Every structure is written in structure tokens, then in C-alpha cells.
């Protein structure tokens, strides 16, 4: 059955299906139960599955993740919600020191099937700690996997695939896209498209634009804006660790140009890693250096000027113009 759902509703439906399919799945977080989460992603789940499976926790991110580690060791599949991206740092020690290392520390005997859901990115008129993009911290951490959905269809299937995985996964949700709608085929097999695979979301011939999470929509809008003048191929990375760059290499060998777009600051961001790998693998195909369009190397600004900070259609098109200037 195909349904027209918002990204937020698709996540809710995916979580509901995971709870129905496996009684070892638990959801934990601040206000995820009675309130249904700040963004209502878990709305109605506690009512239907009970307080022992959809658990309102204290305001203690380190405690949430530490409890999830114990539950995972005992065979459960905890799904932890961090209410906002900037609230994850009290849990950072648990995530990096325990969640990421337990499997290796135990020589593979202990699995950590934990999903850590983090609404990330700006664009909602909020302040610092509510609009950040911390993905590089986690993508750099060996032992963690990091993914980000960009559409309702991906949200629905990727959250179920992440919960079913035996690896710890940081699941990044583009909060500014929670209310955008799209078609979701709820009948197709969950494994029909791998969790850790990039996808070409718009074919093109002149320049490759790579994005993930909230910037996929911006990249698609840019491609539409220049349709008829230039043909932009847009690729959604989907998985940030591990990175699946084979579709990017194949695209760049055809187009000769690459622009990488993300909200996080440019310094040591995901764009730098993509640029390095593409330069290593596609050097003789490149007609211009790999360019990045990103947030600036400053703390996230006040809401009234966040539009100046975030990459938008004009900045993406400026990056495309610059790559054609070489």
C-alpha cells in the first residue's frame, strides 16, 4: 500500500512497525511517552504499547545511553531519542567509550543493537543547542554507524533497518523536513535497498551534487532551478559511516565536477572526506577541484540570522557556477 506521509509520520509508522514485529524493541527518551516527543514522532506509541516499552526518562542523556547499554547486553533493542542535536554531548562519553567499543572489547561476543535518534540541523528558527549538526563527531568514531534519512520513504524503511541491525547506529533526522510529505510504499521488502548505500535521486550530466539529510531537498531545488541550462546529478549519501561512494565515483567520472553540500561547518566535515576520496579515485576525471557548500566555521547563530548561515539554493548554485569557472 502506498501512503502520502510526512517524514515525521513515516518515522512514527516505522517505529510502530518495529515495536509490533519484535517485543525486544524499546523506545526511551525525554517526553517520548505521554507527550509523544517534542516533534510528536512517538505520538500514540506509549498508549498502544505501554509504559514498559515506550519509556519517559529523566532529563539525563548520559543515563539514557548508559541504561540502553545494559539493556542491549541483556538482549533488548533500545531506541534512544536525544531530544535535540545539541543535547547529545552529555551522552558523548557513553556513546564513544561504551556503545562504540563494547563489541570489539568483547571480541565480538557482545552486540550493541542500539539506535540513537537525533533530530539535527537548523532551519526551524531555534537557538543554539537546537540547530546543530554533530554528525562528524560520530562518523569519525570507529565502531559506530551513522545514517541520515532525507525523505518519508527512507525515514520509514531506514528506521526499521537500523533497529534490526546488531550494530550501534546514530540515526540523524532532518528536523526541518519533518513536515514535508512524500509517497511511502509500506508493502515493499525492507531489504530491497540497503541501509548503508547512497542513492542517485536525480540523474544529470553536467555536475554532481552530493548531499545528505536536510540538504538533499535544497540540492534538488537547485537542480530544478537550472533545468534547461545545466543538468545536475543529485546523490543522497544516506549513510555517513560507512560511506558508500561508488555511485559518486561513477557520477564524477561522467560529469567531471563535484559539489558537496552540508549544513555542518566545512572544517573537517563530511565534505572534506568525500572530497579527499573522490580526488584519490577520480583525479584524472575531474575538470575542477571538488568544492564544498557548507555552514560557516562559527557556533550556530541566533535564529534571526540563521538563513545567512545555512546553505541555500543560491549558495549551492554559486558553488556550481564556481566549478564551471575552472
C-alpha atoms as a PDB file:
ATOM      1  CA  UNK A   1       0.000   0.000   0.000  1.00  0.00           C
ATOM      2  CA  UNK A   2       1.273   3.470  -0.884  1.00  0.00           C
ATOM      3  CA  UNK A   3       0.574   6.296   1.554  1.00  0.00           C
ATOM      4  CA  UNK A   4       1.291  10.016   1.410  1.00  0.00           C
ATOM      5  CA  UNK A   5       3.044  10.749   4.716  1.00  0.00           C
ATOM      6  CA  UNK A   6       5.135  13.492   6.259  1.00  0.00           C
ATOM      7  CA  UNK A   7       8.661  12.473   7.204  1.00  0.00           C
ATOM      8  CA  UNK A   8       7.666  12.670  10.876  1.00  0.00           C
ATOM      9  CA  UNK A   9       4.620  10.431  10.393  1.00  0.00           C
ATOM     10  CA  UNK A  10       6.738   7.991   8.377  1.00  0.00           C
ATOM     11  CA  UNK A  11       9.172   7.701  11.289  1.00  0.00           C
ATOM     12  CA  UNK A  12       6.250   7.139  13.648  1.00  0.00           C
ATOM     13  CA  UNK A  13       4.891   4.391  11.390  1.00  0.00           C
ATOM     14  CA  UNK A  14       8.326   2.774  11.096  1.00  0.00           C
ATOM     15  CA  UNK A  15       8.809   2.778  14.866  1.00  0.00           C
ATOM     16  CA  UNK A  16       5.325   1.336  15.343  1.00  0.00           C
ATOM     17  CA  UNK A  17       6.049  -1.496  12.923  1.00  0.00           C
ATOM     18  CA  UNK A  18       9.364  -2.257  14.675  1.00  0.00           C
ATOM     19  CA  UNK A  19       7.585  -2.419  18.043  1.00  0.00           C
ATOM     20  CA  UNK A  20       4.959  -4.754  16.586  1.00  0.00           C
ATOM     21  CA  UNK A  21       7.483  -7.084  14.971  1.00  0.00           C
ATOM     22  CA  UNK A  22       9.867  -7.537  17.931  1.00  0.00           C
ATOM     23  CA  UNK A  23       8.892  -7.363  21.587  1.00  0.00           C
ATOM     24  CA  UNK A  24      12.548  -6.726  22.479  1.00  0.00           C
ATOM     25  CA  UNK A  25      12.359  -3.257  20.885  1.00  0.00           C
ATOM     26  CA  UNK A  26      12.068  -0.442  23.427  1.00  0.00           C
ATOM     27  CA  UNK A  27      11.868   3.332  22.949  1.00  0.00           C
ATOM     28  CA  UNK A  28      13.465   5.588  25.559  1.00  0.00           C
ATOM     29  CA  UNK A  29      13.844   9.329  25.873  1.00  0.00           C
ATOM     30  CA  UNK A  30      12.729  12.606  27.358  1.00  0.00           C
ATOM     31  CA  UNK A  31       8.978  13.133  26.813  1.00  0.00           C
ATOM     32  CA  UNK A  32       8.713  10.337  24.241  1.00  0.00           C
ATOM     33  CA  UNK A  33       5.762   8.723  26.043  1.00  0.00           C
ATOM     34  CA  UNK A  34       2.833  10.797  27.231  1.00  0.00           C
ATOM     35  CA  UNK A  35       3.810  13.837  25.136  1.00  0.00           C
ATOM     36  CA  UNK A  36       4.869  11.821  22.098  1.00  0.00           C
ATOM     37  CA  UNK A  37       8.145  13.706  21.767  1.00  0.00           C
ATOM     38  CA  UNK A  38       8.813  17.380  21.129  1.00  0.00           C
ATOM     39  CA  UNK A  39       8.187  16.805  17.407  1.00  0.00           C
ATOM     40  CA  UNK A  40       5.465  14.172  18.088  1.00  0.00           C
ATOM     41  CA  UNK A  41       7.498  11.461  16.363  1.00  0.00           C
ATOM     42  CA  UNK A  42       6.499   8.904  19.017  1.00  0.00           C
ATOM     43  CA  UNK A  43       2.918  10.146  19.324  1.00  0.00           C
ATOM     44  CA  UNK A  44       0.499   7.423  20.402  1.00  0.00           C
ATOM     45  CA  UNK A  45       3.115   4.714  20.858  1.00  0.00           C
ATOM     46  CA  UNK A  46       3.085   4.633  24.659  1.00  0.00           C
ATOM     47  CA  UNK A  47      -0.713   4.450  24.672  1.00  0.00           C
ATOM     48  CA  UNK A  48      -0.635   1.423  22.374  1.00  0.00           C
ATOM     49  CA  UNK A  49       2.466  -0.403  23.665  1.00  0.00           C
ATOM     50  CA  UNK A  50       2.605   0.594  27.320  1.00  0.00           C
ATOM     51  CA  UNK A  51       4.994   2.406  29.642  1.00  0.00           C
ATOM     52  CA  UNK A  52       7.404  -0.537  29.818  1.00  0.00           C
ATOM     53  CA  UNK A  53       8.160  -0.349  26.099  1.00  0.00           C
ATOM     54  CA  UNK A  54       7.903   3.410  25.460  1.00  0.00           C
ATOM     55  CA  UNK A  55       9.686   4.899  28.430  1.00  0.00           C
ATOM     56  CA  UNK A  56       9.756   8.521  29.606  1.00  0.00           C
ATOM     57  CA  UNK A  57      13.227   9.040  31.070  1.00  0.00           C
ATOM     58  CA  UNK A  58      14.709  11.705  33.350  1.00  0.00           C
ATOM     59  CA  UNK A  59      16.476  14.663  31.712  1.00  0.00           C
ATOM     60  CA  UNK A  60      19.793  12.813  31.669  1.00  0.00           C
ATOM     61  CA  UNK A  61      21.217  11.906  28.272  1.00  0.00           C
ATOM     62  CA  UNK A  62      24.167  10.030  29.763  1.00  0.00           C
ATOM     63  CA  UNK A  63      21.737   7.979  31.834  1.00  0.00           C
ATOM     64  CA  UNK A  64      19.580   7.209  28.800  1.00  0.00           C
ATOM     65  CA  UNK A  65      22.519   5.809  26.827  1.00  0.00           C
ATOM     66  CA  UNK A  66      24.052   4.046  29.828  1.00  0.00           C
ATOM     67  CA  UNK A  67      20.749   2.306  30.526  1.00  0.00           C
ATOM     68  CA  UNK A  68      20.487   1.337  26.859  1.00  0.00           C
ATOM     69  CA  UNK A  69      23.920  -0.314  27.026  1.00  0.00           C
ATOM     70  CA  UNK A  70      22.740  -2.530  29.880  1.00  0.00           C
ATOM     71  CA  UNK A  71      19.512  -3.358  28.063  1.00  0.00           C
ATOM     72  CA  UNK A  72      21.396  -4.238  24.866  1.00  0.00           C
ATOM     73  CA  UNK A  73      23.686  -6.584  26.794  1.00  0.00           C
ATOM     74  CA  UNK A  74      20.554  -8.314  28.112  1.00  0.00           C
ATOM     75  CA  UNK A  75      19.189  -8.858  24.597  1.00  0.00           C
ATOM     76  CA  UNK A  76      16.935  -5.847  24.101  1.00  0.00           C
ATOM     77  CA  UNK A  77      16.967  -3.421  21.164  1.00  0.00           C
ATOM     78  CA  UNK A  78      16.695   0.039  22.707  1.00  0.00           C
ATOM     79  CA  UNK A  79      15.860   3.047  20.536  1.00  0.00           C
ATOM     80  CA  UNK A  80      17.055   6.175  22.337  1.00  0.00           C
ATOM     81  CA  UNK A  81      15.802   9.629  21.432  1.00  0.00           C
ATOM     82  CA  UNK A  82      18.051  12.610  22.063  1.00  0.00           C
ATOM     83  CA  UNK A  83      15.556  15.475  22.118  1.00  0.00           C
ATOM     84  CA  UNK A  84      17.753  17.933  20.180  1.00  0.00           C
ATOM     85  CA  UNK A  85      21.145  17.620  18.486  1.00  0.00           C
ATOM     86  CA  UNK A  86      22.890  19.949  20.922  1.00  0.00           C
ATOM     87  CA  UNK A  87      21.742  17.853  23.894  1.00  0.00           C
ATOM     88  CA  UNK A  88      23.769  14.811  22.823  1.00  0.00           C
ATOM     89  CA  UNK A  89      27.052  15.948  24.351  1.00  0.00           C
ATOM     90  CA  UNK A  90      26.344  14.785  27.934  1.00  0.00           C
ATOM     91  CA  UNK A  91      25.922  11.319  26.381  1.00  0.00           C
ATOM     92  CA  UNK A  92      29.012  11.607  24.193  1.00  0.00           C
ATOM     93  CA  UNK A  93      31.268   9.760  26.637  1.00  0.00           C
ATOM     94  CA  UNK A  94      28.839   6.828  26.868  1.00  0.00           C
ATOM     95  CA  UNK A  95      28.436   6.693  23.079  1.00  0.00           C
ATOM     96  CA  UNK A  96      32.148   6.842  22.257  1.00  0.00           C
ATOM     97  CA  UNK A  97      33.596   4.967  25.243  1.00  0.00           C
ATOM     98  CA  UNK A  98      30.957   2.246  25.683  1.00  0.00           C
ATOM     99  CA  UNK A  99      28.474   1.935  22.802  1.00  0.00           C
ATOM    100  CA  UNK A 100      31.097   2.146  20.045  1.00  0.00           C
ATOM    101  CA  UNK A 101      33.647  -0.144  21.716  1.00  0.00           C
ATOM    102  CA  UNK A 102      31.715  -2.891  23.506  1.00  0.00           C
ATOM    103  CA  UNK A 103      31.583  -5.248  20.507  1.00  0.00           C
ATOM    104  CA  UNK A 104      35.348  -5.012  19.956  1.00  0.00           C
ATOM    105  CA  UNK A 105      36.135  -5.060  23.662  1.00  0.00           C
ATOM    106  CA  UNK A 106      34.275  -8.385  23.994  1.00  0.00           C
ATOM    107  CA  UNK A 107      35.902  -9.902  20.878  1.00  0.00           C
ATOM    108  CA  UNK A 108      32.519  -9.941  19.176  1.00  0.00           C
ATOM    109  CA  UNK A 109      30.697 -11.770  21.954  1.00  0.00           C
ATOM    110  CA  UNK A 110      28.579  -8.771  22.981  1.00  0.00           C
ATOM    111  CA  UNK A 111      26.457  -6.959  20.407  1.00  0.00           C
ATOM    112  CA  UNK A 112      25.163  -3.400  20.789  1.00  0.00           C
ATOM    113  CA  UNK A 113      21.867  -3.195  18.817  1.00  0.00           C
ATOM    114  CA  UNK A 114      21.223   0.389  19.929  1.00  0.00           C
ATOM    115  CA  UNK A 115      19.693   3.102  17.752  1.00  0.00           C
ATOM    116  CA  UNK A 116      20.312   6.684  18.859  1.00  0.00           C
ATOM    117  CA  UNK A 117      17.819   9.005  17.171  1.00  0.00           C
ATOM    118  CA  UNK A 118      18.960  12.625  16.894  1.00  0.00           C
ATOM    119  CA  UNK A 119      16.895  15.402  15.255  1.00  0.00           C
ATOM    120  CA  UNK A 120      19.664  17.508  13.688  1.00  0.00           C
ATOM    121  CA  UNK A 121      20.276  20.640  11.675  1.00  0.00           C
ATOM    122  CA  UNK A 122      18.782  24.113  11.584  1.00  0.00           C
ATOM    123  CA  UNK A 123      16.011  25.861   9.746  1.00  0.00           C
ATOM    124  CA  UNK A 124      13.312  25.867  12.454  1.00  0.00           C
ATOM    125  CA  UNK A 125      14.021  29.273  13.993  1.00  0.00           C
ATOM    126  CA  UNK A 126      15.530  27.812  17.155  1.00  0.00           C
ATOM    127  CA  UNK A 127      18.626  28.790  19.130  1.00  0.00           C
ATOM    128  CA  UNK A 128      21.981  27.098  19.612  1.00  0.00           C
ATOM    129  CA  UNK A 129      21.842  23.549  21.051  1.00  0.00           C
ATOM    130  CA  UNK A 130      18.649  23.076  18.999  1.00  0.00           C
ATOM    131  CA  UNK A 131      20.046  23.535  15.487  1.00  0.00           C
ATOM    132  CA  UNK A 132      23.442  21.861  15.322  1.00  0.00           C
ATOM    133  CA  UNK A 133      24.983  19.281  13.002  1.00  0.00           C
ATOM    134  CA  UNK A 134      27.242  16.991  15.062  1.00  0.00           C
ATOM    135  CA  UNK A 135      27.484  14.157  12.543  1.00  0.00           C
ATOM    136  CA  UNK A 136      31.264  14.359  12.008  1.00  0.00           C
ATOM    137  CA  UNK A 137      31.937  13.529  15.673  1.00  0.00           C
ATOM    138  CA  UNK A 138      30.128  10.223  15.312  1.00  0.00           C
ATOM    139  CA  UNK A 139      31.200   9.386  11.757  1.00  0.00           C
ATOM    140  CA  UNK A 140      34.807   9.723  12.957  1.00  0.00           C
ATOM    141  CA  UNK A 141      34.218   7.230  15.795  1.00  0.00           C
ATOM    142  CA  UNK A 142      35.237   3.681  14.909  1.00  0.00           C
ATOM    143  CA  UNK A 143      32.574   1.196  15.953  1.00  0.00           C
ATOM    144  CA  UNK A 144      29.605   3.444  15.223  1.00  0.00           C
ATOM    145  CA  UNK A 145      27.470   3.549  12.108  1.00  0.00           C
ATOM    146  CA  UNK A 146      25.804   6.819  11.133  1.00  0.00           C
ATOM    147  CA  UNK A 147      22.865   7.288   8.768  1.00  0.00           C
ATOM    148  CA  UNK A 148      20.529  10.127   7.823  1.00  0.00           C
ATOM    149  CA  UNK A 149      17.165   9.942   6.075  1.00  0.00           C
ATOM    150  CA  UNK A 150      16.038  12.676   3.692  1.00  0.00           C
ATOM    151  CA  UNK A 151      12.576  11.572   2.539  1.00  0.00           C
ATOM    152  CA  UNK A 152       9.485   9.991   4.118  1.00  0.00           C
ATOM    153  CA  UNK A 153      10.089   6.725   2.257  1.00  0.00           C
ATOM    154  CA  UNK A 154      13.653   6.481   3.524  1.00  0.00           C
ATOM    155  CA  UNK A 155      12.572   7.512   7.025  1.00  0.00           C
ATOM    156  CA  UNK A 156      10.040   4.672   7.173  1.00  0.00           C
ATOM    157  CA  UNK A 157      12.371   1.942   5.967  1.00  0.00           C
ATOM    158  CA  UNK A 158      15.707   3.144   7.324  1.00  0.00           C
ATOM    159  CA  UNK A 159      14.493   3.368  10.933  1.00  0.00           C
ATOM    160  CA  UNK A 160      13.296  -0.251  10.739  1.00  0.00           C
ATOM    161  CA  UNK A 161      16.560  -1.412   9.150  1.00  0.00           C
ATOM    162  CA  UNK A 162      18.564   0.436  11.818  1.00  0.00           C
ATOM    163  CA  UNK A 163      16.568  -1.164  14.651  1.00  0.00           C
ATOM    164  CA  UNK A 164      17.011  -4.624  13.112  1.00  0.00           C
ATOM    165  CA  UNK A 165      20.790  -4.172  12.857  1.00  0.00           C
ATOM    166  CA  UNK A 166      23.070  -5.673  15.506  1.00  0.00           C
ATOM    167  CA  UNK A 167      25.395  -2.653  15.246  1.00  0.00           C
ATOM    168  CA  UNK A 168      25.036   0.629  17.146  1.00  0.00           C
ATOM    169  CA  UNK A 169      23.619   3.254  14.802  1.00  0.00           C
ATOM    170  CA  UNK A 170      23.340   7.004  15.166  1.00  0.00           C
ATOM    171  CA  UNK A 171      20.161   7.862  13.253  1.00  0.00           C
ATOM    172  CA  UNK A 172      20.077  11.519  12.195  1.00  0.00           C
ATOM    173  CA  UNK A 173      16.684  13.025  11.394  1.00  0.00           C
ATOM    174  CA  UNK A 174      16.484  16.334   9.472  1.00  0.00           C
ATOM    175  CA  UNK A 175      14.129  18.206  11.769  1.00  0.00           C
ATOM    176  CA  UNK A 176      13.361  20.980   9.284  1.00  0.00           C
ATOM    177  CA  UNK A 177      11.949  18.308   6.940  1.00  0.00           C
ATOM    178  CA  UNK A 178       9.652  16.591   9.476  1.00  0.00           C
ATOM    179  CA  UNK A 179       6.562  18.191   7.905  1.00  0.00           C
ATOM    180  CA  UNK A 180       7.398  17.561   4.228  1.00  0.00           C
ATOM    181  CA  UNK A 181       5.274  14.907   2.528  1.00  0.00           C
ATOM    182  CA  UNK A 182       6.094  12.090   0.159  1.00  0.00           C
ATOM    183  CA  UNK A 183       4.843   8.712  -1.007  1.00  0.00           C
ATOM    184  CA  UNK A 184       5.732   5.687   1.115  1.00  0.00           C
ATOM    185  CA  UNK A 185       5.257   2.149  -0.183  1.00  0.00           C
ATOM    186  CA  UNK A 186       4.707   0.237   3.058  1.00  0.00           C
ATOM    187  CA  UNK A 187       4.474  -3.150   1.316  1.00  0.00           C
ATOM    188  CA  UNK A 188       7.893  -3.467  -0.304  1.00  0.00           C
ATOM    189  CA  UNK A 189      10.528  -5.642   1.429  1.00  0.00           C
ATOM    190  CA  UNK A 190      12.619  -3.718   3.959  1.00  0.00           C
ATOM    191  CA  UNK A 191      15.835  -5.085   2.472  1.00  0.00           C
ATOM    192  CA  UNK A 192      15.048  -4.021  -1.106  1.00  0.00           C
ATOM    193  CA  UNK A 193      17.505  -1.122  -0.750  1.00  0.00           C
ATOM    194  CA  UNK A 194      20.476  -1.472   1.636  1.00  0.00           C
ATOM    195  CA  UNK A 195      20.693   0.796   4.676  1.00  0.00           C
ATOM    196  CA  UNK A 196      24.293   1.824   4.033  1.00  0.00           C
ATOM    197  CA  UNK A 197      24.002   2.647   0.331  1.00  0.00           C
ATOM    198  CA  UNK A 198      23.979   6.013  -1.427  1.00  0.00           C
ATOM    199  CA  UNK A 199      21.269   6.749  -3.978  1.00  0.00           C
ATOM    200  CA  UNK A 200      21.075   8.869  -7.129  1.00  0.00           C
ATOM    201  CA  UNK A 201      17.889  10.870  -6.527  1.00  0.00           C
ATOM    202  CA  UNK A 202      18.086  12.929  -9.729  1.00  0.00           C
ATOM    203  CA  UNK A 203      20.148  11.926 -12.780  1.00  0.00           C
ATOM    204  CA  UNK A 204      22.223  14.567 -14.558  1.00  0.00           C
ATOM    205  CA  UNK A 205      25.164  15.010 -16.905  1.00  0.00           C
ATOM    206  CA  UNK A 206      26.976  18.290 -16.186  1.00  0.00           C
ATOM    207  CA  UNK A 207      27.835  18.377 -12.478  1.00  0.00           C
ATOM    208  CA  UNK A 208      27.425  16.050  -9.482  1.00  0.00           C
ATOM    209  CA  UNK A 209      25.920  17.485  -6.290  1.00  0.00           C
ATOM    210  CA  UNK A 210      26.246  15.311  -3.183  1.00  0.00           C
ATOM    211  CA  UNK A 211      24.202  15.968  -0.038  1.00  0.00           C
ATOM    212  CA  UNK A 212      22.525  14.191   2.872  1.00  0.00           C
ATOM    213  CA  UNK A 213      19.749  14.835   5.359  1.00  0.00           C
ATOM    214  CA  UNK A 214      18.157  18.290   5.147  1.00  0.00           C
ATOM    215  CA  UNK A 215      20.330  19.443   2.238  1.00  0.00           C
ATOM    216  CA  UNK A 216      19.057  16.827  -0.215  1.00  0.00           C
ATOM    217  CA  UNK A 217      15.895  18.870  -0.767  1.00  0.00           C
ATOM    218  CA  UNK A 218      17.988  22.030  -1.232  1.00  0.00           C
ATOM    219  CA  UNK A 219      20.164  20.273  -3.810  1.00  0.00           C
ATOM    220  CA  UNK A 220      17.098  19.021  -5.692  1.00  0.00           C
ATOM    221  CA  UNK A 221      15.629  22.533  -5.700  1.00  0.00           C
ATOM    222  CA  UNK A 222      18.904  23.840  -7.143  1.00  0.00           C
ATOM    223  CA  UNK A 223      18.815  21.214  -9.900  1.00  0.00           C
ATOM    224  CA  UNK A 224      15.250  22.209 -10.756  1.00  0.00           C
ATOM    225  CA  UNK A 225      16.155  25.916 -10.804  1.00  0.00           C
ATOM    226  CA  UNK A 226      18.816  25.468 -13.514  1.00  0.00           C
ATOM    227  CA  UNK A 227      16.990  22.842 -15.538  1.00  0.00           C
ATOM    228  CA  UNK A 228      17.420  23.643 -19.207  1.00  0.00           C
ATOM    229  CA  UNK A 229      20.720  25.444 -18.622  1.00  0.00           C
ATOM    230  CA  UNK A 230      22.675  22.790 -16.713  1.00  0.00           C
ATOM    231  CA  UNK A 231      21.947  19.209 -15.798  1.00  0.00           C
ATOM    232  CA  UNK A 232      22.811  18.481 -12.154  1.00  0.00           C
ATOM    233  CA  UNK A 233      23.021  14.923 -10.840  1.00  0.00           C
ATOM    234  CA  UNK A 234      21.977  14.822  -7.179  1.00  0.00           C
ATOM    235  CA  UNK A 235      23.173  11.997  -4.915  1.00  0.00           C
ATOM    236  CA  UNK A 236      21.871  11.380  -1.393  1.00  0.00           C
ATOM    237  CA  UNK A 237      24.643   9.784   0.686  1.00  0.00           C
ATOM    238  CA  UNK A 238      22.132   8.340   3.220  1.00  0.00           C
ATOM    239  CA  UNK A 239      24.947   6.614   5.124  1.00  0.00           C
ATOM    240  CA  UNK A 240      27.732   8.773   6.586  1.00  0.00           C
ATOM    241  CA  UNK A 241      29.632   5.898   8.160  1.00  0.00           C
ATOM    242  CA  UNK A 242      30.288   3.704   6.352  1.00  0.00           C
ATOM    243  CA  UNK A 243      30.345   5.910   3.270  1.00  0.00           C
ATOM    244  CA  UNK A 244      29.149   4.395   0.014  1.00  0.00           C
ATOM    245  CA  UNK A 245      30.938   6.471  -2.613  1.00  0.00           C
ATOM    246  CA  UNK A 246      30.815   4.120  -5.596  1.00  0.00           C
ATOM    247  CA  UNK A 247      27.765   5.956  -7.049  1.00  0.00           C
ATOM    248  CA  UNK A 248      29.644   9.233  -6.525  1.00  0.00           C
ATOM    249  CA  UNK A 249      32.765   7.958  -8.294  1.00  0.00           C
ATOM    250  CA  UNK A 250      30.688   6.695 -11.216  1.00  0.00           C
ATOM    251  CA  UNK A 251      28.885  10.023 -11.458  1.00  0.00           C
ATOM    252  CA  UNK A 252      32.022  12.173 -11.238  1.00  0.00           C
ATOM    253  CA  UNK A 253      33.711  10.129 -13.961  1.00  0.00           C
ATOM    254  CA  UNK A 254      30.831  11.205 -16.222  1.00  0.00           C
ATOM    255  CA  UNK A 255      30.305  14.811 -15.117  1.00  0.00           C
ATOM    256  CA  UNK A 256      33.885  15.795 -14.204  1.00  0.00           C
ATOM    257  CA  UNK A 257      32.642  18.110 -11.449  1.00  0.00           C
ATOM    258  CA  UNK A 258      31.548  17.674  -7.831  1.00  0.00           C
ATOM    259  CA  UNK A 259      29.948  19.978  -5.255  1.00  0.00           C
ATOM    260  CA  UNK A 260      29.357  18.626  -1.735  1.00  0.00           C
ATOM    261  CA  UNK A 261      26.669  20.293   0.399  1.00  0.00           C
ATOM    262  CA  UNK A 262      26.056  20.021   4.148  1.00  0.00           C
ATOM    263  CA  UNK A 263      24.871  22.248   6.998  1.00  0.00           C
ATOM    264  CA  UNK A 264      27.771  21.449   9.317  1.00  0.00           C
ATOM    265  CA  UNK A 265      30.849  23.708   9.282  1.00  0.00           C
ATOM    266  CA  UNK A 266      33.314  22.986   6.479  1.00  0.00           C
ATOM    267  CA  UNK A 267      36.391  22.413   8.661  1.00  0.00           C
ATOM    268  CA  UNK A 268      36.918  18.639   8.957  1.00  0.00           C
ATOM    269  CA  UNK A 269      33.318  17.990   7.915  1.00  0.00           C
ATOM    270  CA  UNK A 270      31.970  15.106   5.837  1.00  0.00           C
ATOM    271  CA  UNK A 271      32.566  17.154   2.694  1.00  0.00           C
ATOM    272  CA  UNK A 272      36.315  17.078   3.294  1.00  0.00           C
ATOM    273  CA  UNK A 273      36.336  13.276   3.474  1.00  0.00           C
ATOM    274  CA  UNK A 274      34.220  12.961   0.326  1.00  0.00           C
ATOM    275  CA  UNK A 275      36.499  15.417  -1.490  1.00  0.00           C
ATOM    276  CA  UNK A 276      39.627  13.523  -0.442  1.00  0.00           C
ATOM    277  CA  UNK A 277      38.318  10.132  -1.541  1.00  0.00           C
ATOM    278  CA  UNK A 278      36.945  11.408  -4.849  1.00  0.00           C
ATOM    279  CA  UNK A 279      40.252  13.149  -5.590  1.00  0.00           C
ATOM    280  CA  UNK A 280      42.125   9.901  -4.901  1.00  0.00           C
ATOM    281  CA  UNK A 281      39.859   7.769  -7.075  1.00  0.00           C
ATOM    282  CA  UNK A 282      38.768  10.170  -9.836  1.00  0.00           C
ATOM    283  CA  UNK A 283      41.686  12.579 -10.193  1.00  0.00           C
ATOM    284  CA  UNK A 284      42.023  12.270 -13.965  1.00  0.00           C
ATOM    285  CA  UNK A 285      38.279  12.649 -14.489  1.00  0.00           C
ATOM    286  CA  UNK A 286      37.966  15.935 -12.600  1.00  0.00           C
ATOM    287  CA  UNK A 287      37.626  19.111 -14.657  1.00  0.00           C
ATOM    288  CA  UNK A 288      37.738  21.260 -11.494  1.00  0.00           C
ATOM    289  CA  UNK A 289      38.558  20.883  -7.790  1.00  0.00           C
ATOM    290  CA  UNK A 290      35.882  19.371  -5.571  1.00  0.00           C
ATOM    291  CA  UNK A 291      34.035  22.292  -3.964  1.00  0.00           C
ATOM    292  CA  UNK A 292      32.063  22.439  -0.705  1.00  0.00           C
ATOM    293  CA  UNK A 293      28.999  24.481   0.201  1.00  0.00           C
ATOM    294  CA  UNK A 294      28.536  24.326   3.971  1.00  0.00           C
ATOM    295  CA  UNK A 295      27.732  26.136   7.171  1.00  0.00           C
ATOM    296  CA  UNK A 296      30.380  28.521   8.433  1.00  0.00           C
ATOM    297  CA  UNK A 297      33.095  27.753  10.987  1.00  0.00           C
ATOM    298  CA  UNK A 298      31.272  29.509  13.815  1.00  0.00           C
ATOM    299  CA  UNK A 299      28.882  28.390  16.547  1.00  0.00           C
ATOM    300  CA  UNK A 300      25.298  28.240  15.309  1.00  0.00           C
ATOM    301  CA  UNK A 301      23.952  31.807  15.174  1.00  0.00           C
ATOM    302  CA  UNK A 302      20.827  33.443  16.571  1.00  0.00           C
ATOM    303  CA  UNK A 303      17.627  32.412  14.793  1.00  0.00           C
ATOM    304  CA  UNK A 304      17.145  35.791  13.123  1.00  0.00           C
ATOM    305  CA  UNK A 305      20.303  35.301  11.045  1.00  0.00           C
ATOM    306  CA  UNK A 306      20.273  31.524  10.551  1.00  0.00           C
ATOM    307  CA  UNK A 307      19.266  31.975   6.909  1.00  0.00           C
ATOM    308  CA  UNK A 308      22.607  33.696   6.362  1.00  0.00           C
ATOM    309  CA  UNK A 309      24.402  30.719   7.918  1.00  0.00           C
ATOM    310  CA  UNK A 310      22.646  27.806   6.254  1.00  0.00           C
ATOM    311  CA  UNK A 311      23.433  26.773   2.676  1.00  0.00           C
ATOM    312  CA  UNK A 312      20.507  27.676   0.437  1.00  0.00           C
ATOM    313  CA  UNK A 313      19.613  27.383  -3.232  1.00  0.00           C
ATOM    314  CA  UNK A 314      21.643  30.456  -4.193  1.00  0.00           C
ATOM    315  CA  UNK A 315      24.769  29.264  -2.398  1.00  0.00           C
ATOM    316  CA  UNK A 316      24.519  25.820  -3.965  1.00  0.00           C
ATOM    317  CA  UNK A 317      24.151  27.353  -7.429  1.00  0.00           C
ATOM    318  CA  UNK A 318      27.080  29.657  -6.717  1.00  0.00           C
ATOM    319  CA  UNK A 319      29.163  26.553  -5.936  1.00  0.00           C
ATOM    320  CA  UNK A 320      28.075  25.007  -9.228  1.00  0.00           C
ATOM    321  CA  UNK A 321      28.963  28.216 -11.084  1.00  0.00           C
ATOM    322  CA  UNK A 322      32.380  28.268  -9.458  1.00  0.00           C
ATOM    323  CA  UNK A 323      33.153  24.719 -10.509  1.00  0.00           C
ATOM    324  CA  UNK A 324      32.368  25.686 -14.121  1.00  0.00           C
ATOM    325  CA  UNK A 325      34.738  28.638 -13.796  1.00  0.00           C
ATOM    326  CA  UNK A 326      37.799  26.382 -13.884  1.00  0.00           C
END
